Amino acid sequence: MRAKPEYRNRDETEVVVLDALADRHQEGMTVFEIRSRADVTIDQIEDALAALKDDDLIVVEKDEERTLILPDEDVVGPETNDEDVSLLDKLRGKLPF
């Protein structure tokens, strides 16, 4: 699952974080889980999370053991599988537009 198209014109790191969170939108992710899914530094993740939080695109929930980050439900796009993604969409995702 990916973030909706209207949220894809943000900083590249923010989009990577939103996509990772959209994949696990029901259970949420820790910062370390996001780090394992995104090929960016912890500092970049921290900056991206701060910007996303400022724009109310993520929610942070704390429980007794850990802090979970969840995307706002408006951010999560419809479920897709690789068969539904067109070649053009795949190219768009790879090329820097």
PDB file of N, CA and C in Angstrom:
ATOM      1  N   MET A   1       0.840  -1.160   0.000  1.00  0.00           N
ATOM      2  CA  MET A   1       0.000   0.000   0.000  1.00  0.00           C
ATOM      3  C   MET A   1       0.894   1.235   0.000  1.00  0.00           C
ATOM      4  N   ARG A   2       0.401   2.285  -0.594  1.00  0.00           N
ATOM      5  CA  ARG A   2       1.188   3.509  -0.701  1.00  0.00           C
ATOM      6  C   ARG A   2       0.367   4.696  -0.235  1.00  0.00           C
ATOM      7  N   ALA A   3       1.066   5.781  -0.001  1.00  0.00           N
ATOM      8  CA  ALA A   3       0.384   7.025   0.333  1.00  0.00           C
ATOM      9  C   ALA A   3      -0.372   7.508  -0.905  1.00  0.00           C
ATOM     10  N   LYS A   4      -1.448   8.237  -0.683  1.00  0.00           N
ATOM     11  CA  LYS A   4      -2.246   8.768  -1.789  1.00  0.00           C
ATOM     12  C   LYS A   4      -1.399   9.700  -2.653  1.00  0.00           C
ATOM     13  N   PRO A   5      -1.747   9.818  -3.929  1.00  0.00           N
ATOM     14  CA  PRO A   5      -0.961  10.665  -4.838  1.00  0.00           C
ATOM     15  C   PRO A   5      -0.826  12.114  -4.380  1.00  0.00           C
ATOM     16  N   GLU A   6      -1.842  12.647  -3.734  1.00  0.00           N
ATOM     17  CA  GLU A   6      -1.766  14.053  -3.317  1.00  0.00           C
ATOM     18  C   GLU A   6      -0.717  14.301  -2.233  1.00  0.00           C
ATOM     19  N   TYR A   7      -0.196  13.227  -1.629  1.00  0.00           N
ATOM     20  CA  TYR A   7       0.846  13.364  -0.610  1.00  0.00           C
ATOM     21  C   TYR A   7       2.221  12.969  -1.147  1.00  0.00           C
ATOM     22  N   ARG A   8       2.331  12.717  -2.421  1.00  0.00           N
ATOM     23  CA  ARG A   8       3.581  12.235  -2.999  1.00  0.00           C
ATOM     24  C   ARG A   8       4.465  13.369  -3.534  1.00  0.00           C
ATOM     25  N   ASN A   9       4.007  14.613  -3.432  1.00  0.00           N
ATOM     26  CA  ASN A   9       4.814  15.731  -3.920  1.00  0.00           C
ATOM     27  C   ASN A   9       5.620  16.376  -2.786  1.00  0.00           C
ATOM     28  N   ARG A  10       5.836  15.637  -1.728  1.00  0.00           N
ATOM     29  CA  ARG A  10       6.600  16.100  -0.570  1.00  0.00           C
ATOM     30  C   ARG A  10       8.070  15.700  -0.731  1.00  0.00           C
ATOM     31  N   ASP A  11       8.862  16.034   0.264  1.00  0.00           N
ATOM     32  CA  ASP A  11      10.263  15.626   0.300  1.00  0.00           C
ATOM     33  C   ASP A  11      10.361  14.109   0.123  1.00  0.00           C
ATOM     34  N   GLU A  12      11.385  13.652  -0.577  1.00  0.00           N
ATOM     35  CA  GLU A  12      11.542  12.223  -0.885  1.00  0.00           C
ATOM     36  C   GLU A  12      11.532  11.350   0.374  1.00  0.00           C
ATOM     37  N   THR A  13      12.216  11.796   1.415  1.00  0.00           N
ATOM     38  CA  THR A  13      12.245  11.022   2.659  1.00  0.00           C
ATOM     39  C   THR A  13      10.858  10.945   3.283  1.00  0.00           C
ATOM     40  N   GLU A  14      10.107  12.031   3.237  1.00  0.00           N
ATOM     41  CA  GLU A  14       8.753  12.030   3.783  1.00  0.00           C
ATOM     42  C   GLU A  14       7.866  11.037   3.034  1.00  0.00           C
ATOM     43  N   VAL A  15       8.014  10.965   1.727  1.00  0.00           N
ATOM     44  CA  VAL A  15       7.221  10.027   0.927  1.00  0.00           C
ATOM     45  C   VAL A  15       7.594   8.587   1.269  1.00  0.00           C
ATOM     46  N   VAL A  16       8.884   8.317   1.428  1.00  0.00           N
ATOM     47  CA  VAL A  16       9.332   6.967   1.793  1.00  0.00           C
ATOM     48  C   VAL A  16       8.749   6.570   3.150  1.00  0.00           C
ATOM     49  N   VAL A  17       8.773   7.495   4.098  1.00  0.00           N
ATOM     50  CA  VAL A  17       8.221   7.224   5.428  1.00  0.00           C
ATOM     51  C   VAL A  17       6.713   7.003   5.340  1.00  0.00           C
ATOM     52  N   LEU A  18       6.010   7.849   4.593  1.00  0.00           N
ATOM     53  CA  LEU A  18       4.559   7.680   4.446  1.00  0.00           C
ATOM     54  C   LEU A  18       4.214   6.346   3.794  1.00  0.00           C
ATOM     55  N   ASP A  19       4.980   5.946   2.787  1.00  0.00           N
ATOM     56  CA  ASP A  19       4.730   4.655   2.136  1.00  0.00           C
ATOM     57  C   ASP A  19       4.942   3.496   3.107  1.00  0.00           C
ATOM     58  N   ALA A  20       6.003   3.567   3.895  1.00  0.00           N
ATOM     59  CA  ALA A  20       6.258   2.507   4.883  1.00  0.00           C
ATOM     60  C   ALA A  20       5.124   2.443   5.895  1.00  0.00           C
ATOM     61  N   LEU A  21       4.682   3.595   6.361  1.00  0.00           N
ATOM     62  CA  LEU A  21       3.585   3.630   7.329  1.00  0.00           C
ATOM     63  C   LEU A  21       2.274   3.168   6.710  1.00  0.00           C
ATOM     64  N   ALA A  22       2.054   3.492   5.442  1.00  0.00           N
ATOM     65  CA  ALA A  22       0.821   3.063   4.772  1.00  0.00           C
ATOM     66  C   ALA A  22       0.770   1.544   4.654  1.00  0.00           C
ATOM     67  N   ASP A  23       1.928   0.919   4.470  1.00  0.00           N
ATOM     68  CA  ASP A  23       1.974  -0.548   4.395  1.00  0.00           C
ATOM     69  C   ASP A  23       1.520  -1.200   5.694  1.00  0.00           C
ATOM     70  N   ARG A  24       1.772  -0.535   6.799  1.00  0.00           N
ATOM     71  CA  ARG A  24       1.407  -1.097   8.113  1.00  0.00           C
ATOM     72  C   ARG A  24       0.509  -0.121   8.860  1.00  0.00           C
ATOM     73  N   HIS A  25      -0.467   0.424   8.152  1.00  0.00           N
ATOM     74  CA  HIS A  25      -1.291   1.493   8.712  1.00  0.00           C
ATOM     75  C   HIS A  25      -2.161   1.070   9.888  1.00  0.00           C
ATOM     76  N   GLN A  26      -2.482  -0.193  10.013  1.00  0.00           N
ATOM     77  CA  GLN A  26      -3.341  -0.621  11.118  1.00  0.00           C
ATOM     78  C   GLN A  26      -2.561  -0.837  12.406  1.00  0.00           C
ATOM     79  N   GLU A  27      -1.375  -1.405  12.309  1.00  0.00           N
ATOM     80  CA  GLU A  27      -0.612  -1.693  13.520  1.00  0.00           C
ATOM     81  C   GLU A  27       0.423  -0.628  13.865  1.00  0.00           C
ATOM     82  N   GLY A  28       0.793   0.234  12.925  1.00  0.00           N
ATOM     83  CA  GLY A  28       1.787   1.262  13.182  1.00  0.00           C
ATOM     84  C   GLY A  28       3.207   0.712  13.147  1.00  0.00           C
ATOM     85  N   MET A  29       4.180   1.608  13.294  1.00  0.00           N
ATOM     86  CA  MET A  29       5.584   1.223  13.245  1.00  0.00           C
ATOM     87  C   MET A  29       6.380   2.046  14.249  1.00  0.00           C
ATOM     88  N   THR A  30       7.471   1.467  14.719  1.00  0.00           N
ATOM     89  CA  THR A  30       8.422   2.220  15.535  1.00  0.00           C
ATOM     90  C   THR A  30       9.405   2.914  14.592  1.00  0.00           C
ATOM     91  N   VAL A  31      10.190   3.814  15.139  1.00  0.00           N
ATOM     92  CA  VAL A  31      11.203   4.498  14.327  1.00  0.00           C
ATOM     93  C   VAL A  31      12.183   3.488  13.738  1.00  0.00           C
ATOM     94  N   PHE A  32      12.544   2.482  14.518  1.00  0.00           N
ATOM     95  CA  PHE A  32      13.498   1.482  14.029  1.00  0.00           C
ATOM     96  C   PHE A  32      12.889   0.625  12.919  1.00  0.00           C
ATOM     97  N   GLU A  33      11.593   0.353  12.994  1.00  0.00           N
ATOM     98  CA  GLU A  33      10.933  -0.391  11.917  1.00  0.00           C
ATOM     99  C   GLU A  33      10.876   0.447  10.643  1.00  0.00           C
ATOM    100  N   ILE A  34      10.623   1.739  10.801  1.00  0.00           N
ATOM    101  CA  ILE A  34      10.645   2.631   9.631  1.00  0.00           C
ATOM    102  C   ILE A  34      12.048   2.642   9.039  1.00  0.00           C
ATOM    103  N   ARG A  35      13.055   2.718   9.894  1.00  0.00           N
ATOM    104  CA  ARG A  35      14.455   2.740   9.435  1.00  0.00           C
ATOM    105  C   ARG A  35      14.797   1.488   8.641  1.00  0.00           C
ATOM    106  N   SER A  36      14.254   0.349   9.052  1.00  0.00           N
ATOM    107  CA  SER A  36      14.550  -0.897   8.341  1.00  0.00           C
ATOM    108  C   SER A  36      13.878  -0.949   6.974  1.00  0.00           C
ATOM    109  N   ARG A  37      12.834  -0.175   6.754  1.00  0.00           N
ATOM    110  CA  ARG A  37      12.122  -0.172   5.478  1.00  0.00           C
ATOM    111  C   ARG A  37      12.588   0.937   4.541  1.00  0.00           C
ATOM    112  N   ALA A  38      13.228   1.967   5.105  1.00  0.00           N
ATOM    113  CA  ALA A  38      13.637   3.123   4.307  1.00  0.00           C
ATOM    114  C   ALA A  38      15.161   3.206   4.282  1.00  0.00           C
ATOM    115  N   ASP A  39      15.699   3.482   3.134  1.00  0.00           N
ATOM    116  CA  ASP A  39      17.149   3.576   2.984  1.00  0.00           C
ATOM    117  C   ASP A  39      17.596   5.019   3.225  1.00  0.00           C
ATOM    118  N   VAL A  40      17.352   5.503   4.444  1.00  0.00           N
ATOM    119  CA  VAL A  40      17.729   6.860   4.836  1.00  0.00           C
ATOM    120  C   VAL A  40      18.285   6.823   6.255  1.00  0.00           C
ATOM    121  N   THR A  41      18.950   7.889   6.643  1.00  0.00           N
ATOM    122  CA  THR A  41      19.546   7.938   7.978  1.00  0.00           C
ATOM    123  C   THR A  41      18.477   8.221   9.032  1.00  0.00           C
ATOM    124  N   ILE A  42      18.817   7.955  10.260  1.00  0.00           N
ATOM    125  CA  ILE A  42      17.901   8.204  11.373  1.00  0.00           C
ATOM    126  C   ILE A  42      17.602   9.700  11.481  1.00  0.00           C
ATOM    127  N   ASP A  43      18.598  10.555  11.180  1.00  0.00           N
ATOM    128  CA  ASP A  43      18.378  12.005  11.212  1.00  0.00           C
ATOM    129  C   ASP A  43      17.366  12.433  10.152  1.00  0.00           C
ATOM    130  N   GLN A  44      17.460  11.838   8.962  1.00  0.00           N
ATOM    131  CA  GLN A  44      16.495  12.147   7.910  1.00  0.00           C
ATOM    132  C   GLN A  44      15.093  11.698   8.314  1.00  0.00           C
ATOM    133  N   ILE A  45      15.005  10.534   8.947  1.00  0.00           N
ATOM    134  CA  ILE A  45      13.702  10.046   9.417  1.00  0.00           C
ATOM    135  C   ILE A  45      13.144  10.993  10.475  1.00  0.00           C
ATOM    136  N   GLU A  46      14.000  11.434  11.381  1.00  0.00           N
ATOM    137  CA  GLU A  46      13.567  12.357  12.432  1.00  0.00           C
ATOM    138  C   GLU A  46      13.014  13.648  11.833  1.00  0.00           C
ATOM    139  N   ASP A  47      13.720  14.209  10.846  1.00  0.00           N
ATOM    140  CA  ASP A  47      13.253  15.432  10.186  1.00  0.00           C
ATOM    141  C   ASP A  47      11.936  15.196   9.453  1.00  0.00           C
ATOM    142  N   ALA A  48      11.836  14.055   8.767  1.00  0.00           N
ATOM    143  CA  ALA A  48      10.611  13.733   8.030  1.00  0.00           C
ATOM    144  C   ALA A  48       9.436  13.564   8.984  1.00  0.00           C
ATOM    145  N   LEU A  49       9.655  12.864  10.088  1.00  0.00           N
ATOM    146  CA  LEU A  49       8.578  12.664  11.064  1.00  0.00           C
ATOM    147  C   LEU A  49       8.127  13.989  11.669  1.00  0.00           C
ATOM    148  N   ALA A  50       9.066  14.881  11.934  1.00  0.00           N
ATOM    149  CA  ALA A  50       8.708  16.194  12.483  1.00  0.00           C
ATOM    150  C   ALA A  50       7.842  16.976  11.496  1.00  0.00           C
ATOM    151  N   ALA A  51       8.219  16.963  10.222  1.00  0.00           N
ATOM    152  CA  ALA A  51       7.440  17.677   9.207  1.00  0.00           C
ATOM    153  C   ALA A  51       6.055  17.052   9.031  1.00  0.00           C
ATOM    154  N   LEU A  52       6.001  15.723   9.019  1.00  0.00           N
ATOM    155  CA  LEU A  52       4.717  15.032   8.868  1.00  0.00           C
ATOM    156  C   LEU A  52       3.819  15.282  10.075  1.00  0.00           C
ATOM    157  N   LYS A  53       4.395  15.314  11.256  1.00  0.00           N
ATOM    158  CA  LYS A  53       3.623  15.586  12.482  1.00  0.00           C
ATOM    159  C   LYS A  53       3.094  17.015  12.462  1.00  0.00           C
ATOM    160  N   ASP A  54       3.931  17.973  12.040  1.00  0.00           N
ATOM    161  CA  ASP A  54       3.501  19.373  11.954  1.00  0.00           C
ATOM    162  C   ASP A  54       2.316  19.540  11.012  1.00  0.00           C
ATOM    163  N   ASP A  55       2.271  18.729   9.963  1.00  0.00           N
ATOM    164  CA  ASP A  55       1.187  18.804   8.977  1.00  0.00           C
ATOM    165  C   ASP A  55       0.028  17.859   9.303  1.00  0.00           C
ATOM    166  N   ASP A  56       0.060  17.254  10.492  1.00  0.00           N
ATOM    167  CA  ASP A  56      -0.998  16.331  10.952  1.00  0.00           C
ATOM    168  C   ASP A  56      -1.206  15.147  10.014  1.00  0.00           C
ATOM    169  N   LEU A  57      -0.129  14.641   9.438  1.00  0.00           N
ATOM    170  CA  LEU A  57      -0.221  13.482   8.553  1.00  0.00           C
ATOM    171  C   LEU A  57       0.114  12.182   9.264  1.00  0.00           C
ATOM    172  N   ILE A  58       0.640  12.286  10.487  1.00  0.00           N
ATOM    173  CA  ILE A  58       0.919  11.092  11.290  1.00  0.00           C
ATOM    174  C   ILE A  58       0.395  11.309  12.704  1.00  0.00           C
ATOM    175  N   VAL A  59       0.186  10.191  13.385  1.00  0.00           N
ATOM    176  CA  VAL A  59      -0.247  10.194  14.781  1.00  0.00           C
ATOM    177  C   VAL A  59       0.763   9.366  15.561  1.00  0.00           C
ATOM    178  N   VAL A  60       1.149   9.847  16.731  1.00  0.00           N
ATOM    179  CA  VAL A  60       2.100   9.128  17.574  1.00  0.00           C
ATOM    180  C   VAL A  60       1.349   8.613  18.795  1.00  0.00           C
ATOM    181  N   GLU A  61       1.433   7.298  19.009  1.00  0.00           N
ATOM    182  CA  GLU A  61       0.787   6.669  20.157  1.00  0.00           C
ATOM    183  C   GLU A  61       1.851   6.015  21.025  1.00  0.00           C
ATOM    184  N   LYS A  62       1.756   6.261  22.312  1.00  0.00           N
ATOM    185  CA  LYS A  62       2.704   5.662  23.258  1.00  0.00           C
ATOM    186  C   LYS A  62       1.957   4.670  24.129  1.00  0.00           C
ATOM    187  N   ASP A  63       2.559   3.503  24.323  1.00  0.00           N
ATOM    188  CA  ASP A  63       2.028   2.557  25.296  1.00  0.00           C
ATOM    189  C   ASP A  63       3.130   2.263  26.307  1.00  0.00           C
ATOM    190  N   GLU A  64       2.947   1.260  27.110  1.00  0.00           N
ATOM    191  CA  GLU A  64       3.913   0.967  28.169  1.00  0.00           C
ATOM    192  C   GLU A  64       5.290   0.584  27.635  1.00  0.00           C
ATOM    193  N   GLU A  65       5.329  -0.061  26.487  1.00  0.00           N
ATOM    194  CA  GLU A  65       6.583  -0.616  25.992  1.00  0.00           C
ATOM    195  C   GLU A  65       7.248   0.188  24.887  1.00  0.00           C
ATOM    196  N   ARG A  66       6.460   0.799  24.018  1.00  0.00           N
ATOM    197  CA  ARG A  66       7.076   1.451  22.860  1.00  0.00           C
ATOM    198  C   ARG A  66       6.203   2.567  22.316  1.00  0.00           C
ATOM    199  N   THR A  67       6.787   3.334  21.415  1.00  0.00           N
ATOM    200  CA  THR A  67       6.089   4.422  20.750  1.00  0.00           C
ATOM    201  C   THR A  67       5.815   3.997  19.315  1.00  0.00           C
ATOM    202  N   LEU A  68       4.548   4.068  18.919  1.00  0.00           N
ATOM    203  CA  LEU A  68       4.154   3.688  17.565  1.00  0.00           C
ATOM    204  C   LEU A  68       3.755   4.919  16.773  1.00  0.00           C
ATOM    205  N   ILE A  69       4.109   4.899  15.503  1.00  0.00           N
ATOM    206  CA  ILE A  69       3.761   5.976  14.590  1.00  0.00           C
ATOM    207  C   ILE A  69       2.792   5.403  13.574  1.00  0.00           C
ATOM    208  N   LEU A  70       1.668   6.091  13.400  1.00  0.00           N
ATOM    209  CA  LEU A  70       0.642   5.653  12.457  1.00  0.00           C
ATOM    210  C   LEU A  70       0.343   6.787  11.487  1.00  0.00           C
ATOM    211  N   PRO A  71       0.024   6.461  10.246  1.00  0.00           N
ATOM    212  CA  PRO A  71      -0.368   7.515   9.311  1.00  0.00           C
ATOM    213  C   PRO A  71      -1.803   7.938   9.587  1.00  0.00           C
ATOM    214  N   ASP A  72      -2.122   9.180   9.314  1.00  0.00           N
ATOM    215  CA  ASP A  72      -3.510   9.611   9.366  1.00  0.00           C
ATOM    216  C   ASP A  72      -4.278   8.808   8.322  1.00  0.00           C
ATOM    217  N   GLU A  73      -5.516   8.446   8.617  1.00  0.00           N
ATOM    218  CA  GLU A  73      -6.239   7.568   7.688  1.00  0.00           C
ATOM    219  C   GLU A  73      -6.486   8.215   6.331  1.00  0.00           C
ATOM    220  N   ASP A  74      -6.453   9.552   6.246  1.00  0.00           N
ATOM    221  CA  ASP A  74      -6.622  10.221   4.950  1.00  0.00           C
ATOM    222  C   ASP A  74      -5.403  10.062   4.047  1.00  0.00           C
ATOM    223  N   VAL A  75      -4.260   9.692   4.622  1.00  0.00           N
ATOM    224  CA  VAL A  75      -3.012   9.570   3.861  1.00  0.00           C
ATOM    225  C   VAL A  75      -2.932   8.247   3.107  1.00  0.00           C
ATOM    226  N   VAL A  76      -3.547   7.208   3.660  1.00  0.00           N
ATOM    227  CA  VAL A  76      -3.409   5.854   3.117  1.00  0.00           C
ATOM    228  C   VAL A  76      -4.242   5.704   1.853  1.00  0.00           C
ATOM    229  N   GLY A  77      -3.573   5.285   0.777  1.00  0.00           N
ATOM    230  CA  GLY A  77      -4.247   5.058  -0.492  1.00  0.00           C
ATOM    231  C   GLY A  77      -4.941   3.710  -0.523  1.00  0.00           C
ATOM    232  N   PRO A  78      -5.610   3.421  -1.621  1.00  0.00           N
ATOM    233  CA  PRO A  78      -6.284   2.128  -1.747  1.00  0.00           C
ATOM    234  C   PRO A  78      -5.268   1.001  -1.845  1.00  0.00           C
ATOM    235  N   GLU A  79      -5.710  -0.184  -1.435  1.00  0.00           N
ATOM    236  CA  GLU A  79      -4.821  -1.346  -1.520  1.00  0.00           C
ATOM    237  C   GLU A  79      -4.511  -1.638  -2.977  1.00  0.00           C
ATOM    238  N   THR A  80      -3.243  -1.920  -3.227  1.00  0.00           N
ATOM    239  CA  THR A  80      -2.821  -2.310  -4.571  1.00  0.00           C
ATOM    240  C   THR A  80      -1.875  -3.482  -4.432  1.00  0.00           C
ATOM    241  N   ASN A  81      -1.785  -4.246  -5.490  1.00  0.00           N
ATOM    242  CA  ASN A  81      -0.729  -5.241  -5.546  1.00  0.00           C
ATOM    243  C   ASN A  81       0.083  -4.932  -6.784  1.00  0.00           C
ATOM    244  N   ASP A  82       1.207  -5.552  -6.923  1.00  0.00           N
ATOM    245  CA  ASP A  82       2.109  -5.220  -8.027  1.00  0.00           C
ATOM    246  C   ASP A  82       1.467  -5.439  -9.387  1.00  0.00           C
ATOM    247  N   GLU A  83       0.480  -6.319  -9.466  1.00  0.00           N
ATOM    248  CA  GLU A  83      -0.179  -6.564 -10.743  1.00  0.00           C
ATOM    249  C   GLU A  83      -1.038  -5.382 -11.158  1.00  0.00           C
ATOM    250  N   ASP A  84      -1.539  -4.600 -10.176  1.00  0.00           N
ATOM    251  CA  ASP A  84      -2.397  -3.464 -10.469  1.00  0.00           C
ATOM    252  C   ASP A  84      -1.611  -2.215 -10.851  1.00  0.00           C
ATOM    253  N   VAL A  85      -0.325  -2.190 -10.583  1.00  0.00           N
ATOM    254  CA  VAL A  85       0.496  -1.026 -10.857  1.00  0.00           C
ATOM    255  C   VAL A  85       0.956  -1.078 -12.307  1.00  0.00           C
ATOM    256  N   SER A  86       0.680   0.004 -13.030  1.00  0.00           N
ATOM    257  CA  SER A  86       1.047   0.035 -14.442  1.00  0.00           C
ATOM    258  C   SER A  86       2.550   0.265 -14.602  1.00  0.00           C
ATOM    259  N   LEU A  87       3.038  -0.014 -15.785  1.00  0.00           N
ATOM    260  CA  LEU A  87       4.448   0.216 -16.094  1.00  0.00           C
ATOM    261  C   LEU A  87       4.786   1.695 -15.935  1.00  0.00           C
ATOM    262  N   LEU A  88       3.876   2.560 -16.360  1.00  0.00           N
ATOM    263  CA  LEU A  88       4.098   3.997 -16.231  1.00  0.00           C
ATOM    264  C   LEU A  88       4.238   4.399 -14.757  1.00  0.00           C
ATOM    265  N   ASP A  89       3.395   3.851 -13.893  1.00  0.00           N
ATOM    266  CA  ASP A  89       3.498   4.146 -12.462  1.00  0.00           C
ATOM    267  C   ASP A  89       4.816   3.645 -11.887  1.00  0.00           C
ATOM    268  N   LYS A  90       5.269   2.487 -12.332  1.00  0.00           N
ATOM    269  CA  LYS A  90       6.547   1.962 -11.862  1.00  0.00           C
ATOM    270  C   LYS A  90       7.694   2.875 -12.283  1.00  0.00           C
ATOM    271  N   LEU A  91       7.651   3.358 -13.533  1.00  0.00           N
ATOM    272  CA  LEU A  91       8.688   4.272 -14.012  1.00  0.00           C
ATOM    273  C   LEU A  91       8.654   5.589 -13.245  1.00  0.00           C
ATOM    274  N   ARG A  92       7.445   6.104 -12.991  1.00  0.00           N
ATOM    275  CA  ARG A  92       7.307   7.335 -12.218  1.00  0.00           C
ATOM    276  C   ARG A  92       7.940   7.193 -10.844  1.00  0.00           C
ATOM    277  N   GLY A  93       7.778   6.035 -10.235  1.00  0.00           N
ATOM    278  CA  GLY A  93       8.342   5.793  -8.915  1.00  0.00           C
ATOM    279  C   GLY A  93       9.858   5.724  -8.922  1.00  0.00           C
ATOM    280  N   LYS A  94      10.432   5.320 -10.045  1.00  0.00           N
ATOM    281  CA  LYS A  94      11.888   5.166 -10.132  1.00  0.00           C
ATOM    282  C   LYS A  94      12.602   6.429 -10.601  1.00  0.00           C
ATOM    283  N   LEU A  95      11.944   7.214 -11.453  1.00  0.00           N
ATOM    284  CA  LEU A  95      12.588   8.391 -12.031  1.00  0.00           C
ATOM    285  C   LEU A  95      12.317   9.628 -11.180  1.00  0.00           C
ATOM    286  N   PRO A  96      13.281  10.530 -11.099  1.00  0.00           N
ATOM    287  CA  PRO A  96      13.108  11.743 -10.284  1.00  0.00           C
ATOM    288  C   PRO A  96      12.345  12.832 -11.032  1.00  0.00           C
ATOM    289  N   PHE A  97      11.054  12.875 -10.848  1.00  0.00           N
ATOM    290  CA  PHE A  97      10.236  13.922 -11.489  1.00  0.00           C
ATOM    291  C   PHE A  97      10.023  15.052 -10.542  1.00  0.00           C
TER     292      PHE A  97
END
